Amino acid sequence: MATFRGWDAVVAADDIARLEIEPMEDLASAMAGANLVVIANNHPAFAEMPVESLADSLARPALIYDFWNNFEARRLTLPGGVGYMGLGGRGVANLPGAVV
């Protein structure tokens, strides 16, 4: 069974809950233990997030999918079992078999 959790810098927790997504207090708690993280907008909070240190808290295997290509995949140092992919595969890090 999948559990959907969400956090947004602008969207109110009540609005997130109306989408049947469990609202989280902050980005770190939203990512902790997740197998999939989707970055769905380009708010500065996402572009400035410490993606490498937050990746340590993810379950394994895990994928961070970034619709806005906030990070340069080649510059990311992610823990084993955690991959990163930007929209359209333009940025890929730690994905077995991926052509970079």
PDB file of N, CA and C in Angstrom:
ATOM      1  N   MET A   1       0.846  -1.180   0.000  1.00  0.00           N
ATOM      2  CA  MET A   1       0.000   0.000   0.000  1.00  0.00           C
ATOM      3  C   MET A   1       0.886   1.237   0.000  1.00  0.00           C
ATOM      4  N   ALA A   2       0.587   2.173  -0.847  1.00  0.00           N
ATOM      5  CA  ALA A   2       1.347   3.418  -0.939  1.00  0.00           C
ATOM      6  C   ALA A   2       0.793   4.443   0.042  1.00  0.00           C
ATOM      7  N   THR A   3       1.704   5.223   0.585  1.00  0.00           N
ATOM      8  CA  THR A   3       1.340   6.350   1.437  1.00  0.00           C
ATOM      9  C   THR A   3       1.811   7.613   0.728  1.00  0.00           C
ATOM     10  N   PHE A   4       0.925   8.564   0.572  1.00  0.00           N
ATOM     11  CA  PHE A   4       1.271   9.815  -0.086  1.00  0.00           C
ATOM     12  C   PHE A   4       1.372  10.915   0.962  1.00  0.00           C
ATOM     13  N   ARG A   5       2.558  11.547   1.005  1.00  0.00           N
ATOM     14  CA  ARG A   5       2.799  12.661   1.924  1.00  0.00           C
ATOM     15  C   ARG A   5       3.230  13.846   1.095  1.00  0.00           C
ATOM     16  N   GLY A   6       2.955  15.038   1.582  1.00  0.00           N
ATOM     17  CA  GLY A   6       3.339  16.214   0.819  1.00  0.00           C
ATOM     18  C   GLY A   6       3.666  17.395   1.687  1.00  0.00           C
ATOM     19  N   TRP A   7       4.517  18.228   1.134  1.00  0.00           N
ATOM     20  CA  TRP A   7       4.863  19.514   1.747  1.00  0.00           C
ATOM     21  C   TRP A   7       5.057  20.499   0.615  1.00  0.00           C
ATOM     22  N   ASP A   8       4.634  21.716   0.822  1.00  0.00           N
ATOM     23  CA  ASP A   8       4.850  22.770  -0.157  1.00  0.00           C
ATOM     24  C   ASP A   8       5.102  24.069   0.586  1.00  0.00           C
ATOM     25  N   ALA A   9       5.972  24.893   0.021  1.00  0.00           N
ATOM     26  CA  ALA A   9       6.333  26.162   0.650  1.00  0.00           C
ATOM     27  C   ALA A   9       5.195  27.171   0.603  1.00  0.00           C
ATOM     28  N   VAL A  10       4.240  26.984  -0.291  1.00  0.00           N
ATOM     29  CA  VAL A  10       3.176  27.960  -0.484  1.00  0.00           C
ATOM     30  C   VAL A  10       1.792  27.383  -0.189  1.00  0.00           C
ATOM     31  N   VAL A  11       1.550  26.150  -0.575  1.00  0.00           N
ATOM     32  CA  VAL A  11       0.227  25.537  -0.446  1.00  0.00           C
ATOM     33  C   VAL A  11      -0.043  25.183   1.026  1.00  0.00           C
ATOM     34  N   ALA A  12      -1.202  25.565   1.505  1.00  0.00           N
ATOM     35  CA  ALA A  12      -1.580  25.309   2.899  1.00  0.00           C
ATOM     36  C   ALA A  12      -1.798  23.811   3.132  1.00  0.00           C
ATOM     37  N   ALA A  13      -1.525  23.374   4.352  1.00  0.00           N
ATOM     38  CA  ALA A  13      -1.685  21.965   4.721  1.00  0.00           C
ATOM     39  C   ALA A  13      -3.108  21.477   4.468  1.00  0.00           C
ATOM     40  N   ASP A  14      -4.105  22.315   4.721  1.00  0.00           N
ATOM     41  CA  ASP A  14      -5.502  21.924   4.483  1.00  0.00           C
ATOM     42  C   ASP A  14      -5.757  21.636   3.004  1.00  0.00           C
ATOM     43  N   ASP A  15      -5.143  22.415   2.133  1.00  0.00           N
ATOM     44  CA  ASP A  15      -5.309  22.195   0.696  1.00  0.00           C
ATOM     45  C   ASP A  15      -4.620  20.903   0.263  1.00  0.00           C
ATOM     46  N   ILE A  16      -3.471  20.610   0.844  1.00  0.00           N
ATOM     47  CA  ILE A  16      -2.777  19.347   0.553  1.00  0.00           C
ATOM     48  C   ILE A  16      -3.635  18.176   1.011  1.00  0.00           C
ATOM     49  N   ALA A  17      -4.224  18.288   2.198  1.00  0.00           N
ATOM     50  CA  ALA A  17      -5.065  17.216   2.741  1.00  0.00           C
ATOM     51  C   ALA A  17      -6.293  16.966   1.871  1.00  0.00           C
ATOM     52  N   ARG A  18      -6.842  18.004   1.258  1.00  0.00           N
ATOM     53  CA  ARG A  18      -8.010  17.835   0.379  1.00  0.00           C
ATOM     54  C   ARG A  18      -7.694  16.969  -0.835  1.00  0.00           C
ATOM     55  N   LEU A  19      -6.412  16.840  -1.159  1.00  0.00           N
ATOM     56  CA  LEU A  19      -5.995  15.977  -2.276  1.00  0.00           C
ATOM     57  C   LEU A  19      -5.740  14.545  -1.812  1.00  0.00           C
ATOM     58  N   GLU A  20      -6.120  14.264  -0.565  1.00  0.00           N
ATOM     59  CA  GLU A  20      -5.904  12.952   0.052  1.00  0.00           C
ATOM     60  C   GLU A  20      -4.420  12.622   0.154  1.00  0.00           C
ATOM     61  N   ILE A  21      -3.646  13.663   0.438  1.00  0.00           N
ATOM     62  CA  ILE A  21      -2.212  13.554   0.687  1.00  0.00           C
ATOM     63  C   ILE A  21      -1.980  14.012   2.120  1.00  0.00           C
ATOM     64  N   GLU A  22      -1.199  13.245   2.862  1.00  0.00           N
ATOM     65  CA  GLU A  22      -0.919  13.596   4.249  1.00  0.00           C
ATOM     66  C   GLU A  22       0.024  14.800   4.288  1.00  0.00           C
ATOM     67  N   PRO A  23      -0.441  15.947   4.807  1.00  0.00           N
ATOM     68  CA  PRO A  23       0.436  17.115   4.866  1.00  0.00           C
ATOM     69  C   PRO A  23       1.519  16.931   5.926  1.00  0.00           C
ATOM     70  N   MET A  24       2.730  17.346   5.590  1.00  0.00           N
ATOM     71  CA  MET A  24       3.858  17.238   6.505  1.00  0.00           C
ATOM     72  C   MET A  24       4.295  18.628   6.932  1.00  0.00           C
ATOM     73  N   GLU A  25       4.940  18.702   8.099  1.00  0.00           N
ATOM     74  CA  GLU A  25       5.349  19.990   8.659  1.00  0.00           C
ATOM     75  C   GLU A  25       6.467  20.659   7.884  1.00  0.00           C
ATOM     76  N   ASP A  26       7.357  19.852   7.307  1.00  0.00           N
ATOM     77  CA  ASP A  26       8.505  20.416   6.608  1.00  0.00           C
ATOM     78  C   ASP A  26       9.010  19.432   5.571  1.00  0.00           C
ATOM     79  N   LEU A  27       9.936  19.895   4.773  1.00  0.00           N
ATOM     80  CA  LEU A  27      10.477  19.084   3.688  1.00  0.00           C
ATOM     81  C   LEU A  27      11.195  17.846   4.204  1.00  0.00           C
ATOM     82  N   ALA A  28      11.939  17.983   5.276  1.00  0.00           N
ATOM     83  CA  ALA A  28      12.685  16.839   5.829  1.00  0.00           C
ATOM     84  C   ALA A  28      11.744  15.722   6.266  1.00  0.00           C
ATOM     85  N   SER A  29      10.656  16.064   6.938  1.00  0.00           N
ATOM     86  CA  SER A  29       9.723  15.018   7.383  1.00  0.00           C
ATOM     87  C   SER A  29       8.954  14.424   6.206  1.00  0.00           C
ATOM     88  N   ALA A  30       8.728  15.195   5.159  1.00  0.00           N
ATOM     89  CA  ALA A  30       8.053  14.663   3.976  1.00  0.00           C
ATOM     90  C   ALA A  30       8.929  13.636   3.263  1.00  0.00           C
ATOM     91  N   MET A  31      10.241  13.840   3.285  1.00  0.00           N
ATOM     92  CA  MET A  31      11.151  12.943   2.575  1.00  0.00           C
ATOM     93  C   MET A  31      11.573  11.728   3.397  1.00  0.00           C
ATOM     94  N   ALA A  32      11.562  11.824   4.699  1.00  0.00           N
ATOM     95  CA  ALA A  32      12.065  10.751   5.563  1.00  0.00           C
ATOM     96  C   ALA A  32      11.339   9.431   5.296  1.00  0.00           C
ATOM     97  N   GLY A  33      12.103   8.408   4.918  1.00  0.00           N
ATOM     98  CA  GLY A  33      11.552   7.080   4.691  1.00  0.00           C
ATOM     99  C   GLY A  33      10.847   6.884   3.361  1.00  0.00           C
ATOM    100  N   ALA A  34      10.855   7.890   2.497  1.00  0.00           N
ATOM    101  CA  ALA A  34      10.163   7.791   1.206  1.00  0.00           C
ATOM    102  C   ALA A  34      10.993   6.996   0.202  1.00  0.00           C
ATOM    103  N   ASN A  35      10.298   6.313  -0.701  1.00  0.00           N
ATOM    104  CA  ASN A  35      10.951   5.641  -1.824  1.00  0.00           C
ATOM    105  C   ASN A  35      10.936   6.515  -3.072  1.00  0.00           C
ATOM    106  N   LEU A  36      10.006   7.443  -3.135  1.00  0.00           N
ATOM    107  CA  LEU A  36       9.898   8.342  -4.280  1.00  0.00           C
ATOM    108  C   LEU A  36       9.631   9.754  -3.782  1.00  0.00           C
ATOM    109  N   VAL A  37      10.428  10.682  -4.277  1.00  0.00           N
ATOM    110  CA  VAL A  37      10.234  12.098  -3.982  1.00  0.00           C
ATOM    111  C   VAL A  37      10.020  12.790  -5.319  1.00  0.00           C
ATOM    112  N   VAL A  38       8.937  13.552  -5.429  1.00  0.00           N
ATOM    113  CA  VAL A  38       8.649  14.297  -6.645  1.00  0.00           C
ATOM    114  C   VAL A  38       8.730  15.783  -6.311  1.00  0.00           C
ATOM    115  N   ILE A  39       9.620  16.471  -7.003  1.00  0.00           N
ATOM    116  CA  ILE A  39       9.727  17.927  -6.877  1.00  0.00           C
ATOM    117  C   ILE A  39       8.914  18.484  -8.035  1.00  0.00           C
ATOM    118  N   ALA A  40       7.754  19.062  -7.715  1.00  0.00           N
ATOM    119  CA  ALA A  40       6.783  19.406  -8.752  1.00  0.00           C
ATOM    120  C   ALA A  40       6.710  20.893  -9.075  1.00  0.00           C
ATOM    121  N   ASN A  41       7.516  21.721  -8.415  1.00  0.00           N
ATOM    122  CA  ASN A  41       7.524  23.137  -8.795  1.00  0.00           C
ATOM    123  C   ASN A  41       8.905  23.735  -8.571  1.00  0.00           C
ATOM    124  N   ASN A  42       9.059  24.974  -8.959  1.00  0.00           N
ATOM    125  CA  ASN A  42      10.374  25.606  -8.904  1.00  0.00           C
ATOM    126  C   ASN A  42      10.490  26.674  -7.821  1.00  0.00           C
ATOM    127  N   HIS A  43       9.765  26.517  -6.736  1.00  0.00           N
ATOM    128  CA  HIS A  43       9.888  27.455  -5.620  1.00  0.00           C
ATOM    129  C   HIS A  43      11.332  27.425  -5.115  1.00  0.00           C
ATOM    130  N   PRO A  44      11.892  28.563  -4.720  1.00  0.00           N
ATOM    131  CA  PRO A  44      13.278  28.592  -4.232  1.00  0.00           C
ATOM    132  C   PRO A  44      13.563  27.607  -3.096  1.00  0.00           C
ATOM    133  N   ALA A  45      12.559  27.257  -2.310  1.00  0.00           N
ATOM    134  CA  ALA A  45      12.779  26.297  -1.215  1.00  0.00           C
ATOM    135  C   ALA A  45      13.260  24.953  -1.747  1.00  0.00           C
ATOM    136  N   PHE A  46      12.832  24.589  -2.942  1.00  0.00           N
ATOM    137  CA  PHE A  46      13.259  23.312  -3.521  1.00  0.00           C
ATOM    138  C   PHE A  46      14.641  23.430  -4.151  1.00  0.00           C
ATOM    139  N   ALA A  47      14.885  24.517  -4.848  1.00  0.00           N
ATOM    140  CA  ALA A  47      16.191  24.706  -5.483  1.00  0.00           C
ATOM    141  C   ALA A  47      17.307  24.837  -4.445  1.00  0.00           C
ATOM    142  N   GLU A  48      16.960  25.319  -3.259  1.00  0.00           N
ATOM    143  CA  GLU A  48      17.952  25.530  -2.204  1.00  0.00           C
ATOM    144  C   GLU A  48      18.005  24.392  -1.185  1.00  0.00           C
ATOM    145  N   MET A  49      17.160  23.376  -1.353  1.00  0.00           N
ATOM    146  CA  MET A  49      17.116  22.301  -0.357  1.00  0.00           C
ATOM    147  C   MET A  49      18.426  21.509  -0.380  1.00  0.00           C
ATOM    148  N   PRO A  50      18.858  21.034   0.766  1.00  0.00           N
ATOM    149  CA  PRO A  50      20.088  20.235   0.828  1.00  0.00           C
ATOM    150  C   PRO A  50      19.814  18.802   0.371  1.00  0.00           C
ATOM    151  N   VAL A  51      19.627  18.628  -0.922  1.00  0.00           N
ATOM    152  CA  VAL A  51      19.170  17.352  -1.472  1.00  0.00           C
ATOM    153  C   VAL A  51      20.075  16.191  -1.075  1.00  0.00           C
ATOM    154  N   GLU A  52      21.370  16.406  -1.031  1.00  0.00           N
ATOM    155  CA  GLU A  52      22.284  15.306  -0.704  1.00  0.00           C
ATOM    156  C   GLU A  52      22.111  14.829   0.735  1.00  0.00           C
ATOM    157  N   SER A  53      21.987  15.752   1.679  1.00  0.00           N
ATOM    158  CA  SER A  53      21.822  15.322   3.071  1.00  0.00           C
ATOM    159  C   SER A  53      20.410  14.783   3.318  1.00  0.00           C
ATOM    160  N   LEU A  54      19.399  15.350   2.673  1.00  0.00           N
ATOM    161  CA  LEU A  54      18.042  14.829   2.828  1.00  0.00           C
ATOM    162  C   LEU A  54      17.920  13.431   2.220  1.00  0.00           C
ATOM    163  N   ALA A  55      18.705  13.133   1.196  1.00  0.00           N
ATOM    164  CA  ALA A  55      18.672  11.813   0.564  1.00  0.00           C
ATOM    165  C   ALA A  55      19.084  10.709   1.530  1.00  0.00           C
ATOM    166  N   ASP A  56      19.885  11.041   2.537  1.00  0.00           N
ATOM    167  CA  ASP A  56      20.286  10.043   3.535  1.00  0.00           C
ATOM    168  C   ASP A  56      19.095   9.447   4.273  1.00  0.00           C
ATOM    169  N   SER A  57      18.010  10.219   4.411  1.00  0.00           N
ATOM    170  CA  SER A  57      16.849   9.753   5.177  1.00  0.00           C
ATOM    171  C   SER A  57      15.870   8.926   4.348  1.00  0.00           C
ATOM    172  N   LEU A  58      16.104   8.810   3.045  1.00  0.00           N
ATOM    173  CA  LEU A  58      15.187   8.066   2.187  1.00  0.00           C
ATOM    174  C   LEU A  58      15.298   6.567   2.406  1.00  0.00           C
ATOM    175  N   ALA A  59      14.206   5.843   2.151  1.00  0.00           N
ATOM    176  CA  ALA A  59      14.225   4.383   2.139  1.00  0.00           C
ATOM    177  C   ALA A  59      15.036   3.957   0.915  1.00  0.00           C
ATOM    178  N   ARG A  60      15.389   2.689   0.850  1.00  0.00           N
ATOM    179  CA  ARG A  60      16.118   2.180  -0.314  1.00  0.00           C
ATOM    180  C   ARG A  60      15.326   1.054  -0.951  1.00  0.00           C
ATOM    181  N   PRO A  61      15.234   0.994  -2.255  1.00  0.00           N
ATOM    182  CA  PRO A  61      15.722   1.967  -3.211  1.00  0.00           C
ATOM    183  C   PRO A  61      14.846   3.211  -3.210  1.00  0.00           C
ATOM    184  N   ALA A  62      15.409   4.314  -3.709  1.00  0.00           N
ATOM    185  CA  ALA A  62      14.669   5.577  -3.751  1.00  0.00           C
ATOM    186  C   ALA A  62      15.026   6.340  -5.016  1.00  0.00           C
ATOM    187  N   LEU A  63      14.081   7.150  -5.457  1.00  0.00           N
ATOM    188  CA  LEU A  63      14.290   8.012  -6.614  1.00  0.00           C
ATOM    189  C   LEU A  63      13.768   9.403  -6.285  1.00  0.00           C
ATOM    190  N   ILE A  64      14.571  10.399  -6.604  1.00  0.00           N
ATOM    191  CA  ILE A  64      14.148  11.804  -6.529  1.00  0.00           C
ATOM    192  C   ILE A  64      13.887  12.226  -7.972  1.00  0.00           C
ATOM    193  N   TYR A  65      12.629  12.535  -8.305  1.00  0.00           N
ATOM    194  CA  TYR A  65      12.280  12.967  -9.658  1.00  0.00           C
ATOM    195  C   TYR A  65      11.968  14.449  -9.613  1.00  0.00           C
ATOM    196  N   ASP A  66      12.709  15.215 -10.373  1.00  0.00           N
ATOM    197  CA  ASP A  66      12.664  16.674 -10.317  1.00  0.00           C
ATOM    198  C   ASP A  66      12.113  17.225 -11.630  1.00  0.00           C
ATOM    199  N   PHE A  67      10.868  17.677 -11.611  1.00  0.00           N
ATOM    200  CA  PHE A  67      10.240  18.229 -12.808  1.00  0.00           C
ATOM    201  C   PHE A  67      10.891  19.525 -13.273  1.00  0.00           C
ATOM    202  N   TRP A  68      11.651  20.187 -12.410  1.00  0.00           N
ATOM    203  CA  TRP A  68      12.210  21.494 -12.744  1.00  0.00           C
ATOM    204  C   TRP A  68      13.726  21.484 -12.908  1.00  0.00           C
ATOM    205  N   ASN A  69      14.351  20.319 -12.840  1.00  0.00           N
ATOM    206  CA  ASN A  69      15.805  20.246 -13.005  1.00  0.00           C
ATOM    207  C   ASN A  69      16.518  21.262 -12.111  1.00  0.00           C
ATOM    208  N   ASN A  70      16.154  21.249 -10.833  1.00  0.00           N
ATOM    209  CA  ASN A  70      16.733  22.187  -9.876  1.00  0.00           C
ATOM    210  C   ASN A  70      18.216  21.928  -9.598  1.00  0.00           C
ATOM    211  N   PHE A  71      18.677  20.722  -9.881  1.00  0.00           N
ATOM    212  CA  PHE A  71      20.043  20.346  -9.517  1.00  0.00           C
ATOM    213  C   PHE A  71      20.802  19.830 -10.732  1.00  0.00           C
ATOM    214  N   GLU A  72      22.100  20.000 -10.712  1.00  0.00           N
ATOM    215  CA  GLU A  72      22.957  19.421 -11.740  1.00  0.00           C
ATOM    216  C   GLU A  72      23.294  18.006 -11.300  1.00  0.00           C
ATOM    217  N   ALA A  73      22.722  17.036 -11.970  1.00  0.00           N
ATOM    218  CA  ALA A  73      22.863  15.639 -11.565  1.00  0.00           C
ATOM    219  C   ALA A  73      24.323  15.227 -11.436  1.00  0.00           C
ATOM    220  N   ARG A  74      25.149  15.684 -12.333  1.00  0.00           N
ATOM    221  CA  ARG A  74      26.566  15.279 -12.311  1.00  0.00           C
ATOM    222  C   ARG A  74      27.300  15.792 -11.093  1.00  0.00           C
ATOM    223  N   ARG A  75      26.773  16.804 -10.449  1.00  0.00           N
ATOM    224  CA  ARG A  75      27.422  17.366  -9.262  1.00  0.00           C
ATOM    225  C   ARG A  75      26.890  16.759  -7.955  1.00  0.00           C
ATOM    226  N   LEU A  76      25.841  15.959  -8.050  1.00  0.00           N
ATOM    227  CA  LEU A  76      25.249  15.376  -6.851  1.00  0.00           C
ATOM    228  C   LEU A  76      26.045  14.167  -6.374  1.00  0.00           C
ATOM    229  N   THR A  77      26.210  14.085  -5.069  1.00  0.00           N
ATOM    230  CA  THR A  77      26.789  12.905  -4.446  1.00  0.00           C
ATOM    231  C   THR A  77      25.696  12.316  -3.558  1.00  0.00           C
ATOM    232  N   LEU A  78      25.043  11.288  -4.070  1.00  0.00           N
ATOM    233  CA  LEU A  78      23.923  10.676  -3.362  1.00  0.00           C
ATOM    234  C   LEU A  78      24.346   9.339  -2.789  1.00  0.00           C
ATOM    235  N   PRO A  79      23.707   8.928  -1.694  1.00  0.00           N
ATOM    236  CA  PRO A  79      24.039   7.626  -1.110  1.00  0.00           C
ATOM    237  C   PRO A  79      23.616   6.487  -2.037  1.00  0.00           C
ATOM    238  N   GLY A  80      24.226   5.317  -1.841  1.00  0.00           N
ATOM    239  CA  GLY A  80      23.866   4.144  -2.617  1.00  0.00           C
ATOM    240  C   GLY A  80      22.390   3.842  -2.504  1.00  0.00           C
ATOM    241  N   GLY A  81      21.789   3.431  -3.599  1.00  0.00           N
ATOM    242  CA  GLY A  81      20.374   3.087  -3.599  1.00  0.00           C
ATOM    243  C   GLY A  81      19.451   4.267  -3.802  1.00  0.00           C
ATOM    244  N   VAL A  82      20.014   5.477  -3.966  1.00  0.00           N
ATOM    245  CA  VAL A  82      19.212   6.675  -4.191  1.00  0.00           C
ATOM    246  C   VAL A  82      19.606   7.257  -5.545  1.00  0.00           C
ATOM    247  N   GLY A  83      18.619   7.406  -6.425  1.00  0.00           N
ATOM    248  CA  GLY A  83      18.865   7.987  -7.734  1.00  0.00           C
ATOM    249  C   GLY A  83      18.181   9.322  -7.874  1.00  0.00           C
ATOM    250  N   TYR A  84      18.626  10.084  -8.857  1.00  0.00           N
ATOM    251  CA  TYR A  84      18.040  11.395  -9.167  1.00  0.00           C
ATOM    252  C   TYR A  84      17.802  11.449 -10.661  1.00  0.00           C
ATOM    253  N   MET A  85      16.640  11.981 -11.047  1.00  0.00           N
ATOM    254  CA  MET A  85      16.350  12.176 -12.458  1.00  0.00           C
ATOM    255  C   MET A  85      15.598  13.481 -12.637  1.00  0.00           C
ATOM    256  N   GLY A  86      16.063  14.294 -13.578  1.00  0.00           N
ATOM    257  CA  GLY A  86      15.363  15.513 -13.936  1.00  0.00           C
ATOM    258  C   GLY A  86      14.399  15.235 -15.079  1.00  0.00           C
ATOM    259  N   LEU A  87      13.470  16.129 -15.289  1.00  0.00           N
ATOM    260  CA  LEU A  87      12.454  15.973 -16.334  1.00  0.00           C
ATOM    261  C   LEU A  87      13.104  15.665 -17.671  1.00  0.00           C
ATOM    262  N   GLY A  88      12.588  14.656 -18.336  1.00  0.00           N
ATOM    263  CA  GLY A  88      13.084  14.278 -19.648  1.00  0.00           C
ATOM    264  C   GLY A  88      14.413  13.552 -19.603  1.00  0.00           C
ATOM    265  N   GLY A  89      14.836  13.142 -18.415  1.00  0.00           N
ATOM    266  CA  GLY A  89      16.108  12.448 -18.282  1.00  0.00           C
ATOM    267  C   GLY A  89      17.305  13.346 -18.508  1.00  0.00           C
ATOM    268  N   ARG A  90      17.091  14.683 -18.496  1.00  0.00           N
ATOM    269  CA  ARG A  90      18.190  15.620 -18.755  1.00  0.00           C
ATOM    270  C   ARG A  90      19.247  15.588 -17.669  1.00  0.00           C
ATOM    271  N   GLY A  91      18.878  15.212 -16.491  1.00  0.00           N
ATOM    272  CA  GLY A  91      19.843  15.087 -15.415  1.00  0.00           C
ATOM    273  C   GLY A  91      19.630  13.767 -14.714  1.00  0.00           C
ATOM    274  N   VAL A  92      20.655  12.922 -14.688  1.00  0.00           N
ATOM    275  CA  VAL A  92      20.516  11.605 -14.089  1.00  0.00           C
ATOM    276  C   VAL A  92      21.724  11.356 -13.195  1.00  0.00           C
ATOM    277  N   ALA A  93      21.474  10.859 -11.996  1.00  0.00           N
ATOM    278  CA  ALA A  93      22.555  10.509 -11.075  1.00  0.00           C
ATOM    279  C   ALA A  93      22.191   9.227 -10.344  1.00  0.00           C
ATOM    280  N   ASN A  94      23.158   8.321 -10.213  1.00  0.00           N
ATOM    281  CA  ASN A  94      23.001   7.086  -9.435  1.00  0.00           C
ATOM    282  C   ASN A  94      21.928   6.146  -9.955  1.00  0.00           C
ATOM    283  N   LEU A  95      21.596   6.189 -11.228  1.00  0.00           N
ATOM    284  CA  LEU A  95      20.599   5.266 -11.754  1.00  0.00           C
ATOM    285  C   LEU A  95      21.307   4.183 -12.546  1.00  0.00           C
ATOM    286  N   PRO A  96      21.243   2.939 -12.065  1.00  0.00           N
ATOM    287  CA  PRO A  96      21.920   1.851 -12.766  1.00  0.00           C
ATOM    288  C   PRO A  96      21.484   1.756 -14.224  1.00  0.00           C
ATOM    289  N   GLY A  97      22.441   1.626 -15.116  1.00  0.00           N
ATOM    290  CA  GLY A  97      22.153   1.475 -16.523  1.00  0.00           C
ATOM    291  C   GLY A  97      21.812   2.755 -17.253  1.00  0.00           C
ATOM    292  N   ALA A  98      21.786   3.885 -16.545  1.00  0.00           N
ATOM    293  CA  ALA A  98      21.427   5.149 -17.198  1.00  0.00           C
ATOM    294  C   ALA A  98      22.608   5.678 -18.002  1.00  0.00           C
ATOM    295  N   VAL A  99      22.296   6.228 -19.152  1.00  0.00           N
ATOM    296  CA  VAL A  99      23.318   6.867 -19.979  1.00  0.00           C
ATOM    297  C   VAL A  99      23.290   8.346 -19.639  1.00  0.00           C
ATOM    298  N   VAL A 100      24.410   8.856 -19.160  1.00  0.00           N
ATOM    299  CA  VAL A 100      24.472  10.260 -18.726  1.00  0.00           C
ATOM    300  C   VAL A 100      25.177  11.077 -19.776  1.00  0.00           C
TER     301      VAL A 100
END
